[in-house]
PDB file of all heavy atoms in Angstrom:
ATOM      1  N   GLU A   1    -164.205  92.691 -39.378  1.00  0.00           N
ATOM      2  CA  GLU A   1    -164.985  91.985 -38.377  1.00  0.00           C
ATOM      3  C   GLU A   1    -165.076  90.506 -38.725  1.00  0.00           C
ATOM      4  O   GLU A   1    -164.985  90.107 -39.895  1.00  0.00           O
ATOM      5  CB  GLU A   1    -166.428  92.549 -38.327  1.00  0.00           C
ATOM      6  CG  GLU A   1    -166.507  93.948 -37.757  1.00  0.00           C
ATOM      7  CD  GLU A   1    -167.946  94.420 -37.532  1.00  0.00           C
ATOM      8  OE1 GLU A   1    -168.859  93.840 -38.193  1.00  0.00           O
ATOM      9  OE2 GLU A   1    -168.142  95.325 -36.751  1.00  0.00           O
ATOM     10  N   LEU A   2    -165.230  89.666 -37.648  1.00  0.00           N
ATOM     11  CA  LEU A   2    -165.353  88.246 -37.823  1.00  0.00           C
ATOM     12  C   LEU A   2    -166.553  87.746 -37.045  1.00  0.00           C
ATOM     13  O   LEU A   2    -167.034  88.434 -36.135  1.00  0.00           O
ATOM     14  CB  LEU A   2    -164.082  87.530 -37.337  1.00  0.00           C
ATOM     15  CG  LEU A   2    -162.727  87.897 -38.072  1.00  0.00           C
ATOM     16  CD1 LEU A   2    -161.587  87.310 -37.306  1.00  0.00           C
ATOM     17  CD2 LEU A   2    -162.799  87.418 -39.504  1.00  0.00           C
ATOM     18  N   TYR A   3    -166.979  86.518 -37.329  1.00  0.00           N
ATOM     19  CA  TYR A   3    -167.997  85.897 -36.569  1.00  0.00           C
ATOM     20  C   TYR A   3    -167.591  85.784 -35.072  1.00  0.00           C
ATOM     21  O   TYR A   3    -166.441  85.519 -34.787  1.00  0.00           O
ATOM     22  CB  TYR A   3    -168.363  84.511 -37.031  1.00  0.00           C
ATOM     23  CG  TYR A   3    -168.962  84.445 -38.443  1.00  0.00           C
ATOM     24  CD1 TYR A   3    -168.382  83.770 -39.471  1.00  0.00           C
ATOM     25  CD2 TYR A   3    -170.164  85.135 -38.675  1.00  0.00           C
ATOM     26  CE1 TYR A   3    -168.946  83.683 -40.717  1.00  0.00           C
ATOM     27  CE2 TYR A   3    -170.725  85.056 -39.974  1.00  0.00           C
ATOM     28  CZ  TYR A   3    -170.121  84.383 -40.958  1.00  0.00           C
ATOM     29  OH  TYR A   3    -170.662  84.337 -42.221  1.00  0.00           O
ATOM     30  N   HIS A   4    -168.544  86.018 -34.171  1.00  0.00           N
ATOM     31  CA  HIS A   4    -168.270  85.883 -32.746  1.00  0.00           C
ATOM     32  C   HIS A   4    -167.885  84.404 -32.435  1.00  0.00           C
ATOM     33  O   HIS A   4    -168.617  83.489 -32.842  1.00  0.00           O
ATOM     34  CB  HIS A   4    -169.518  86.228 -31.961  1.00  0.00           C
ATOM     35  CG  HIS A   4    -169.280  86.524 -30.525  1.00  0.00           C
ATOM     36  ND1 HIS A   4    -168.734  85.614 -29.654  1.00  0.00           N
ATOM     37  CD2 HIS A   4    -169.514  87.648 -29.772  1.00  0.00           C
ATOM     38  CE1 HIS A   4    -168.646  86.122 -28.410  1.00  0.00           C
ATOM     39  NE2 HIS A   4    -169.111  87.380 -28.501  1.00  0.00           N
ATOM     40  N   PRO A   5    -166.752  84.233 -31.752  1.00  0.00           N
ATOM     41  CA  PRO A   5    -166.346  82.815 -31.482  1.00  0.00           C
ATOM     42  C   PRO A   5    -167.405  82.009 -30.704  1.00  0.00           C
ATOM     43  O   PRO A   5    -167.416  80.798 -30.810  1.00  0.00           O
ATOM     44  CB  PRO A   5    -165.050  83.007 -30.641  1.00  0.00           C
ATOM     45  CG  PRO A   5    -164.546  84.359 -31.015  1.00  0.00           C
ATOM     46  CD  PRO A   5    -165.749  85.200 -31.318  1.00  0.00           C
ATOM     47  N   GLN A   6    -168.197  82.706 -29.895  1.00  0.00           N
ATOM     48  CA  GLN A   6    -169.189  81.943 -29.089  1.00  0.00           C
ATOM     49  C   GLN A   6    -170.192  81.218 -29.987  1.00  0.00           C
ATOM     50  O   GLN A   6    -170.718  80.174 -29.604  1.00  0.00           O
ATOM     51  CB  GLN A   6    -169.922  82.963 -28.167  1.00  0.00           C
ATOM     52  CG  GLN A   6    -170.852  82.262 -27.174  1.00  0.00           C
ATOM     53  CD  GLN A   6    -170.113  81.380 -26.191  1.00  0.00           C
ATOM     54  OE1 GLN A   6    -169.059  81.733 -25.699  1.00  0.00           O
ATOM     55  NE2 GLN A   6    -170.676  80.233 -25.888  1.00  0.00           N
ATOM     56  N   ILE A   7    -170.433  81.704 -31.176  1.00  0.00           N
ATOM     57  CA  ILE A   7    -171.375  81.051 -32.103  1.00  0.00           C
ATOM     58  C   ILE A   7    -170.933  79.615 -32.338  1.00  0.00           C
ATOM     59  O   ILE A   7    -171.750  78.704 -32.405  1.00  0.00           O
ATOM     60  CB  ILE A   7    -171.474  81.845 -33.410  1.00  0.00           C
ATOM     61  CG1 ILE A   7    -172.184  83.170 -33.185  1.00  0.00           C
ATOM     62  CG2 ILE A   7    -172.158  81.027 -34.507  1.00  0.00           C
ATOM     63  CD1 ILE A   7    -172.196  84.048 -34.398  1.00  0.00           C
ATOM     64  N   PHE A   8    -169.627  79.428 -32.488  1.00  0.00           N
ATOM     65  CA  PHE A   8    -169.147  78.054 -32.798  1.00  0.00           C
ATOM     66  C   PHE A   8    -169.268  77.125 -31.628  1.00  0.00           C
ATOM     67  O   PHE A   8    -169.416  75.893 -31.827  1.00  0.00           O
ATOM     68  CB  PHE A   8    -167.678  78.172 -33.289  1.00  0.00           C
ATOM     69  CG  PHE A   8    -167.528  78.979 -34.547  1.00  0.00           C
ATOM     70  CD1 PHE A   8    -167.254  80.346 -34.450  1.00  0.00           C
ATOM     71  CD2 PHE A   8    -167.770  78.421 -35.784  1.00  0.00           C
ATOM     72  CE1 PHE A   8    -167.156  81.138 -35.617  1.00  0.00           C
ATOM     73  CE2 PHE A   8    -167.678  79.174 -36.936  1.00  0.00           C
ATOM     74  CZ  PHE A   8    -167.390  80.527 -36.876  1.00  0.00           C
ATOM     75  N   GLN A   9    -169.298  77.679 -30.421  1.00  0.00           N
ATOM     76  CA  GLN A   9    -169.575  76.827 -29.251  1.00  0.00           C
ATOM     77  C   GLN A   9    -171.014  76.341 -29.218  1.00  0.00           C
ATOM     78  O   GLN A   9    -171.324  75.238 -28.812  1.00  0.00           O
ATOM     79  CB  GLN A   9    -169.189  77.553 -27.956  1.00  0.00           C
ATOM     80  CG  GLN A   9    -167.741  77.867 -27.823  1.00  0.00           C
ATOM     81  CD  GLN A   9    -166.844  76.664 -28.036  1.00  0.00           C
ATOM     82  OE1 GLN A   9    -167.054  75.601 -27.421  1.00  0.00           O
ATOM     83  NE2 GLN A   9    -165.838  76.793 -28.900  1.00  0.00           N
ATOM     84  N   TYR A  10    -171.915  77.207 -29.707  1.00  0.00           N
ATOM     85  CA  TYR A  10    -173.303  76.809 -29.860  1.00  0.00           C
ATOM     86  C   TYR A  10    -173.438  75.768 -30.934  1.00  0.00           C
ATOM     87  O   TYR A  10    -174.257  74.825 -30.842  1.00  0.00           O
ATOM     88  CB  TYR A  10    -174.165  78.002 -30.158  1.00  0.00           C
ATOM     89  CG  TYR A  10    -174.507  78.898 -28.970  1.00  0.00           C
ATOM     90  CD1 TYR A  10    -173.478  79.499 -28.230  1.00  0.00           C
ATOM     91  CD2 TYR A  10    -175.802  79.014 -28.553  1.00  0.00           C
ATOM     92  CE1 TYR A  10    -173.792  80.256 -27.142  1.00  0.00           C
ATOM     93  CE2 TYR A  10    -176.124  79.766 -27.438  1.00  0.00           C
ATOM     94  CZ  TYR A  10    -175.102  80.420 -26.756  1.00  0.00           C
ATOM     95  OH  TYR A  10    -175.401  81.160 -25.631  1.00  0.00           O
ATOM     96  N   LEU A  11    -172.706  75.911 -32.005  1.00  0.00           N
ATOM     97  CA  LEU A  11    -172.679  74.926 -33.058  1.00  0.00           C
ATOM     98  C   LEU A  11    -172.219  73.564 -32.499  1.00  0.00           C
ATOM     99  O   LEU A  11    -172.777  72.490 -32.831  1.00  0.00           O
ATOM    100  CB  LEU A  11    -171.738  75.346 -34.185  1.00  0.00           C
ATOM    101  CG  LEU A  11    -171.591  74.388 -35.347  1.00  0.00           C
ATOM    102  CD1 LEU A  11    -172.900  74.031 -36.021  1.00  0.00           C
ATOM    103  CD2 LEU A  11    -170.586  74.920 -36.352  1.00  0.00           C
ATOM    104  N   LYS A  12    -171.259  73.596 -31.611  1.00  0.00           N
ATOM    105  CA  LYS A  12    -170.743  72.344 -31.003  1.00  0.00           C
ATOM    106  C   LYS A  12    -171.838  71.655 -30.192  1.00  0.00           C
ATOM    107  O   LYS A  12    -171.906  70.443 -30.167  1.00  0.00           O
ATOM    108  CB  LYS A  12    -169.537  72.682 -30.097  1.00  0.00           C
ATOM    109  CG  LYS A  12    -168.832  71.417 -29.554  1.00  0.00           C
ATOM    110  CD  LYS A  12    -167.593  71.791 -28.765  1.00  0.00           C
ATOM    111  CE  LYS A  12    -166.772  70.573 -28.450  1.00  0.00           C
ATOM    112  NZ  LYS A  12    -167.507  69.507 -27.702  1.00  0.00           N
ATOM    113  N   ILE A  13    -172.672  72.430 -29.487  1.00  0.00           N
ATOM    114  CA  ILE A  13    -173.779  71.857 -28.743  1.00  0.00           C
ATOM    115  C   ILE A  13    -174.618  70.967 -29.669  1.00  0.00           C
ATOM    116  O   ILE A  13    -174.930  69.810 -29.333  1.00  0.00           O
ATOM    117  CB  ILE A  13    -174.654  72.912 -28.080  1.00  0.00           C
ATOM    118  CG1 ILE A  13    -173.859  73.666 -26.982  1.00  0.00           C
ATOM    119  CG2 ILE A  13    -175.950  72.322 -27.490  1.00  0.00           C
ATOM    120  CD1 ILE A  13    -174.579  74.818 -26.358  1.00  0.00           C
ATOM    121  N   TRP A  14    -174.934  71.477 -30.813  1.00  0.00           N
ATOM    122  CA  TRP A  14    -175.745  70.750 -31.767  1.00  0.00           C
ATOM    123  C   TRP A  14    -175.045  69.526 -32.299  1.00  0.00           C
ATOM    124  O   TRP A  14    -175.575  68.435 -32.351  1.00  0.00           O
ATOM    125  CB  TRP A  14    -176.192  71.677 -32.884  1.00  0.00           C
ATOM    126  CG  TRP A  14    -176.650  70.959 -34.145  1.00  0.00           C
ATOM    127  CD1 TRP A  14    -176.168  71.102 -35.388  1.00  0.00           C
ATOM    128  CD2 TRP A  14    -177.732  69.999 -34.254  1.00  0.00           C
ATOM    129  NE1 TRP A  14    -176.839  70.305 -36.305  1.00  0.00           N
ATOM    130  CE2 TRP A  14    -177.807  69.605 -35.618  1.00  0.00           C
ATOM    131  CE3 TRP A  14    -178.631  69.412 -33.338  1.00  0.00           C
ATOM    132  CZ2 TRP A  14    -178.725  68.670 -36.087  1.00  0.00           C
ATOM    133  CZ3 TRP A  14    -179.545  68.473 -33.814  1.00  0.00           C
ATOM    134  CH2 TRP A  14    -179.593  68.108 -35.171  1.00  0.00           C
ATOM    135  N   LEU A  15    -173.812  69.684 -32.738  1.00  0.00           N
ATOM    136  CA  LEU A  15    -173.074  68.558 -33.312  1.00  0.00           C
ATOM    137  C   LEU A  15    -172.857  67.462 -32.279  1.00  0.00           C
ATOM    138  O   LEU A  15    -172.884  66.281 -32.630  1.00  0.00           O
ATOM    139  CB  LEU A  15    -171.698  69.089 -33.850  1.00  0.00           C
ATOM    140  CG  LEU A  15    -171.788  70.089 -35.007  1.00  0.00           C
ATOM    141  CD1 LEU A  15    -170.391  70.605 -35.345  1.00  0.00           C
ATOM    142  CD2 LEU A  15    -172.470  69.459 -36.233  1.00  0.00           C
ATOM    143  N   ASP A  16    -172.646  67.830 -31.030  1.00  0.00           N
ATOM    144  CA  ASP A  16    -172.450  66.840 -30.013  1.00  0.00           C
ATOM    145  C   ASP A  16    -173.736  66.075 -29.662  1.00  0.00           C
ATOM    146  O   ASP A  16    -173.707  64.906 -29.237  1.00  0.00           O
ATOM    147  CB  ASP A  16    -171.930  67.467 -28.726  1.00  0.00           C
ATOM    148  CG  ASP A  16    -170.451  67.876 -28.850  1.00  0.00           C
ATOM    149  OD1 ASP A  16    -169.808  67.475 -29.839  1.00  0.00           O
ATOM    150  OD2 ASP A  16    -169.927  68.628 -27.986  1.00  0.00           O
ATOM    151  N   VAL A  17    -174.863  66.729 -29.829  1.00  0.00           N
ATOM    152  CA  VAL A  17    -176.112  66.063 -29.460  1.00  0.00           C
ATOM    153  C   VAL A  17    -176.711  65.180 -30.548  1.00  0.00           C
ATOM    154  O   VAL A  17    -177.574  64.328 -30.273  1.00  0.00           O
ATOM    155  CB  VAL A  17    -177.201  67.157 -29.054  1.00  0.00           C
ATOM    156  CG1 VAL A  17    -177.907  67.678 -30.311  1.00  0.00           C
ATOM    157  CG2 VAL A  17    -178.181  66.584 -28.049  1.00  0.00           C
ATOM    158  N   ILE A  18    -176.213  65.281 -31.752  1.00  0.00           N
ATOM    159  CA  ILE A  18    -176.747  64.476 -32.869  1.00  0.00           C
ATOM    160  C   ILE A  18    -176.751  62.988 -32.571  1.00  0.00           C
ATOM    161  O   ILE A  18    -177.791  62.341 -32.666  1.00  0.00           O
ATOM    162  CB  ILE A  18    -175.983  64.752 -34.178  1.00  0.00           C
ATOM    163  CG1 ILE A  18    -176.388  66.111 -34.758  1.00  0.00           C
ATOM    164  CG2 ILE A  18    -176.285  63.680 -35.242  1.00  0.00           C
ATOM    165  CD1 ILE A  18    -175.631  66.563 -35.977  1.00  0.00           C
ATOM    166  N   PRO A  19    -175.641  62.387 -32.106  1.00  0.00           N
ATOM    167  CA  PRO A  19    -175.689  60.929 -31.829  1.00  0.00           C
ATOM    168  C   PRO A  19    -176.637  60.557 -30.683  1.00  0.00           C
ATOM    169  O   PRO A  19    -177.219  59.509 -30.664  1.00  0.00           O
ATOM    170  CB  PRO A  19    -174.275  60.599 -31.432  1.00  0.00           C
ATOM    171  CG  PRO A  19    -173.422  61.751 -31.921  1.00  0.00           C
ATOM    172  CD  PRO A  19    -174.271  62.928 -31.888  1.00  0.00           C
ATOM    173  N   LYS A  20    -176.843  61.499 -29.782  1.00  0.00           N
ATOM    174  CA  LYS A  20    -177.743  61.239 -28.602  1.00  0.00           C
ATOM    175  C   LYS A  20    -179.190  61.252 -28.992  1.00  0.00           C
ATOM    176  O   LYS A  20    -180.059  60.690 -28.249  1.00  0.00           O
ATOM    177  CB  LYS A  20    -177.496  62.298 -27.558  1.00  0.00           C
ATOM    178  CG  LYS A  20    -176.088  62.296 -26.973  1.00  0.00           C
ATOM    179  CD  LYS A  20    -175.882  63.420 -25.969  1.00  0.00           C
ATOM    180  CE  LYS A  20    -174.452  63.511 -25.470  1.00  0.00           C
ATOM    181  NZ  LYS A  20    -174.283  64.647 -24.539  1.00  0.00           N
ATOM    182  N   LEU A  21    -179.502  61.766 -30.124  1.00  0.00           N
ATOM    183  CA  LEU A  21    -180.946  61.826 -30.603  1.00  0.00           C
ATOM    184  C   LEU A  21    -181.367  60.482 -31.216  1.00  0.00           C
ATOM    185  O   LEU A  21    -182.546  60.297 -31.430  1.00  0.00           O
ATOM    186  CB  LEU A  21    -181.108  62.951 -31.623  1.00  0.00           C
ATOM    187  CG  LEU A  21    -180.951  64.373 -31.098  1.00  0.00           C
ATOM    188  CD1 LEU A  21    -181.026  65.366 -32.228  1.00  0.00           C
ATOM    189  CD2 LEU A  21    -182.054  64.687 -30.057  1.00  0.00           C
ATOM    190  N   TRP A  22    -180.399  59.589 -31.489  1.00  0.00           N
ATOM    191  CA  TRP A  22    -180.764  58.316 -32.092  1.00  0.00           C
ATOM    192  C   TRP A  22    -181.511  57.448 -31.111  1.00  0.00           C
ATOM    193  O   TRP A  22    -180.994  57.246 -29.936  1.00  0.00           O
ATOM    194  CB  TRP A  22    -179.514  57.620 -32.609  1.00  0.00           C
ATOM    195  CG  TRP A  22    -179.753  56.145 -32.870  1.00  0.00           C
ATOM    196  CD1 TRP A  22    -179.244  55.085 -32.114  1.00  0.00           C
ATOM    197  CD2 TRP A  22    -180.533  55.581 -33.890  1.00  0.00           C
ATOM    198  NE1 TRP A  22    -179.655  53.907 -32.639  1.00  0.00           N
ATOM    199  CE2 TRP A  22    -180.493  54.151 -33.723  1.00  0.00           C
ATOM    200  CE3 TRP A  22    -181.339  56.075 -34.925  1.00  0.00           C
ATOM    201  CZ2 TRP A  22    -181.143  53.314 -34.574  1.00  0.00           C
ATOM    202  CZ3 TRP A  22    -182.015  55.203 -35.752  1.00  0.00           C
ATOM    203  CH2 TRP A  22    -181.865  53.815 -35.563  1.00  0.00           C
ATOM    204  N   THR A  23    -182.585  56.904 -31.504  1.00  0.00           N
ATOM    205  CA  THR A  23    -183.280  55.870 -30.731  1.00  0.00           C
ATOM    206  C   THR A  23    -183.884  54.861 -31.728  1.00  0.00           C
ATOM    207  O   THR A  23    -184.371  55.218 -32.770  1.00  0.00           O
ATOM    208  CB  THR A  23    -184.477  56.472 -29.946  1.00  0.00           C
ATOM    209  OG1 THR A  23    -185.297  57.190 -30.811  1.00  0.00           O
ATOM    210  CG2 THR A  23    -183.986  57.383 -28.815  1.00  0.00           C
ATOM    211  N   PRO A  24    -183.790  53.584 -31.394  1.00  0.00           N
ATOM    212  CA  PRO A  24    -184.350  52.556 -32.289  1.00  0.00           C
ATOM    213  C   PRO A  24    -185.826  52.803 -32.512  1.00  0.00           C
ATOM    214  O   PRO A  24    -186.509  53.350 -31.681  1.00  0.00           O
ATOM    215  CB  PRO A  24    -184.111  51.228 -31.531  1.00  0.00           C
ATOM    216  CG  PRO A  24    -182.946  51.545 -30.597  1.00  0.00           C
ATOM    217  CD  PRO A  24    -183.151  52.994 -30.212  1.00  0.00           C
ATOM    218  N   SER A  25    -186.312  52.445 -33.651  1.00  0.00           N
ATOM    219  CA  SER A  25    -187.714  52.710 -34.005  1.00  0.00           C
ATOM    220  C   SER A  25    -188.664  51.985 -33.040  1.00  0.00           C
ATOM    221  O   SER A  25    -189.831  52.404 -32.931  1.00  0.00           O
ATOM    222  CB  SER A  25    -187.964  52.261 -35.427  1.00  0.00           C
ATOM    223  OG  SER A  25    -187.668  50.861 -35.580  1.00  0.00           O
ATOM    224  N   SER A  26    -188.180  50.958 -32.382  1.00  0.00           N
ATOM    225  CA  SER A  26    -189.064  50.249 -31.450  1.00  0.00           C
ATOM    226  C   SER A  26    -189.333  51.053 -30.165  1.00  0.00           C
ATOM    227  O   SER A  26    -190.269  50.756 -29.426  1.00  0.00           O
ATOM    228  CB  SER A  26    -188.408  48.919 -31.056  1.00  0.00           C
ATOM    229  OG  SER A  26    -187.158  49.112 -30.464  1.00  0.00           O
ATOM    230  N   ASN A  27    -188.518  52.068 -29.970  1.00  0.00           N
ATOM    231  CA  ASN A  27    -188.659  52.896 -28.753  1.00  0.00           C
ATOM    232  C   ASN A  27    -189.675  53.988 -29.015  1.00  0.00           C
ATOM    233  O   ASN A  27    -189.340  55.181 -29.098  1.00  0.00           O
ATOM    234  CB  ASN A  27    -187.285  53.528 -28.354  1.00  0.00           C
ATOM    235  CG  ASN A  27    -187.301  54.093 -26.939  1.00  0.00           C
ATOM    236  OD1 ASN A  27    -188.375  54.269 -26.368  1.00  0.00           O
ATOM    237  ND2 ASN A  27    -186.177  54.381 -26.431  1.00  0.00           N
ATOM    238  N   LEU A  28    -190.923  53.628 -29.096  1.00  0.00           N
ATOM    239  CA  LEU A  28    -191.977  54.536 -29.535  1.00  0.00           C
ATOM    240  C   LEU A  28    -192.161  55.724 -28.532  1.00  0.00           C
ATOM    241  O   LEU A  28    -192.334  56.849 -29.029  1.00  0.00           O
ATOM    242  CB  LEU A  28    -193.294  53.781 -29.618  1.00  0.00           C
ATOM    243  CG  LEU A  28    -193.335  52.731 -30.775  1.00  0.00           C
ATOM    244  CD1 LEU A  28    -194.685  52.046 -30.804  1.00  0.00           C
ATOM    245  CD2 LEU A  28    -193.031  53.387 -32.092  1.00  0.00           C
TER     246      LEU A  28
END
């Protein structure tokens, strides 16, 4: 048995969103 391939697509959702979470500290 192997990990379900769909799991890695969920991982991609997280990896892709990391840069979008950045906001300057002034943006309270």
